[in-house]
Amino acid sequence: MEFNTGHALVIGVGTYTKAPQLDVPQTAEDARQVAKLLADPDFCGYPAGQVTLLTGATATRQNILAALESLSSTSDADTLTIFYSGHGHYGKDSYYLTTGDTEIVDRKVVAGTGVREAELLERLNNIPAGRALLIFNACHAGALAPTALGEEPGSAAIDSAALPAPLTTALLDTGKGRVVITACKEQQKSYFIPTDQTTLFAQYLIDGLQGRGVESRRGYISAFDLYEYIYYGINGEVKRRWKVEQDPVLTIHQGIGVMAVALYRGASAQGPLNSQDQPTALGGEVREVDPATSRAAKQQILNGELNLAAGRDISGNTVVHGNQQDASRDIDTIAGNQYKAENDINIGDKSDARASQGFLLRPTGPVSQTFGKQTTIDTSGGDYAEGDIEKQQGVFMSGGTVYGPVTGSNNGMISASYGTQQQSASGATSPLRNIRSHLRQVIDAAQARGDNNLAMDLDGVEQILGEAIRAERENDNTQRARKLRQAQADLDDLAVSQPALKDLVGMLQQVQ
C-alpha cells in the first residue's frame, strides 16, 4: 500500500568536512533508517521517489536549501515529513542548523555555512503542503553517564543547542497544519550511546513509525500518537539510565486537528481522520501556541527584528536595540507577543530598559519601572515578581491580581479565584501552590540527606506542577488536567520505592 500524498526530506549530517571534530556518525544512520522506513510499503508507504535523503557529503547547505525549494511542487492535499538530525548552534548573526560544509570559528558557526533560521522559515513558507510534520534532533551529548559527560563531540568548537522556542513557534506559521517535534527542551541534551547505531530519539521515532506502541487510526499513524510514544519512551529511558531529563517537545497551534503522518504497518487507509481520532488527553511536553503569536514570531525573525543569537551572549551592557540598551527584545524566549529576558541576565548598572515591554529578573542594581501613567515599582535591587515568585509584600490596591501570601495593609476584601471555585481570605493560596510548597520541602529534605537522585526526580514533578499552576491561573482547565495527570503518574512511579510520597499522591488526587 502506498501513502501517495506523502513527501519527505530526511537529513542526517553525520560528518563535517570542514569541522571533523563535530562528527556524530549516528545522525547519518538516523536519517538512513528513517528514510528507509518511510519508503517501505510494508510500513509507512511513502512513494520512494518522494523521499529525499541527504547525509554526509550530500547534506550540504546548498543541497538542503535546494531540496526544500523542490518541495514547493507539493499541493494542499499533500503530507510532508521533514527530519533533521545534526548539530544546532548559533553564529554571531543567527541560529543555524549545521550542514556537512559548516565552518566553525571562535566557537561560532560562520555566516552562510549552515541553514540560517530565516532561510528555513522562508523555504518552508513556500511549501504548499497542507500538513507538515517537522522533526528536529538538533542537539547531542555523547555520554555513558551524565556524571561523566566529559567533552561531547565538537565541544571544543561549539556547544550544541536545541531549537530556540521562538523558532519552533515561528515554524507553525509557515503553512497550514504545521506540527513541530523537537528531541528535547531548549536547555536539555539529546542523548546517544557511542556504541549504538542511532541516537535514542531517532530509535524511538523509528520504532513508533513501525507501529510499536502506537495505535492505528483508520490505518494511519497520527502525529499525536507518534509524539506521545516518543515522549514517554525517551523520558523514561533517559531517567532510568542517567537520572537526567530529556523531554521531547510537541509545538502545535491551539485547536489543531489530528493529522495522519504515515500508514500504520502498510495498512490500507480507511478514510480521513476526524475529531473522533483525536486523543482525549495528550501527555508529554506540549506547547500550544496562539496563531497570532506564531505569526508575530515569524515576522520578527524574517524582518531581522529578532536575532536569536542575541539571546546567548548577554552580559553587562552588551544588549543594544536601536539607540537604547533593551533587555526585553532580541531574546530567545517568547511569551504572548513579547520577548522577555528570563534567564539571569545581568543588565549592569547603567542599562536603559525604558523602551522594553518585558520584565527584569534579578537586576544587579536598583530598578524603577513604570506601568501605565500612575504606578511605579522601585525594587531597590530586589526581585520584580511577574510569574510564580511568591514574595509580594506591602500595600496592594484594587484592580490587580496577587499570587501567594500577602503581608501589609489591605483597604478591602481580597478575592482569590481557583478554577471554578472562589474564596475570600487574607493571603489565601491555591491548593496546587500548597502542594508544590510541600513538595519543595520534600525535595529539600532529600537533598539534605544526600538523596540527589530522588531530589532530581522530584524537581521534574515540581516543574510540571508549576505548569499546572500557570494553566490554572490562565483558566486553561485542559492543560491543568493534563499536567496534573502527568505529575501524578510520575509521583505514583516514585512512591513504589518511596512510600512517604503517598501523601503527596493523595493530595494531587484531591485537586483533580
Foldseek 3Di string as FASTA:
>chain_A
DAPAQEAEEFEFAQAAPAQRLQHDNQSLVLRVLVLVQCCDLQFFRYPNVRYHYAYHPRFFQVNVLVVLQVLLPHAQQHEYEYEYAGFWQAALFATFQATNHWHFDQLHTDPPGGQGLLSVLVSLLSRHHQAYEYEYQHFEQADQEPVPSDQGRPVVGYHGWWDFPLSLLLSQQSYHHYKYKYFFDGPDGQYAYSVDNHTLLSVLLSCVSQVVQFDQQQQFGWPQRSQLSSQVSRQVVCCVRHLAGGFIEMEEEPPDAIGGNGGHSSDDGRDDGDNVPDDPAGATHYHHDHNVQNNLSSCCVNVVVAHASVQPDAAAQPADDDPFRAQFGNHRDDDRNTRGNDDPHEHHDDGDHQVHPYDDAQYQAWDWHDDDDDDIDIQRRHGDDDAQDADDEEEDAPDDAHAAAYYYDYPDWHWDDWQPDIDTDHGDHDLLVVLLVVLVVVLVVCVVVPVVSVSSLSVVLSVLSSQLVVCRVVNVVSSNVNSLVVSLVSLVVVCVVVVVSVVSNVSSVVVD
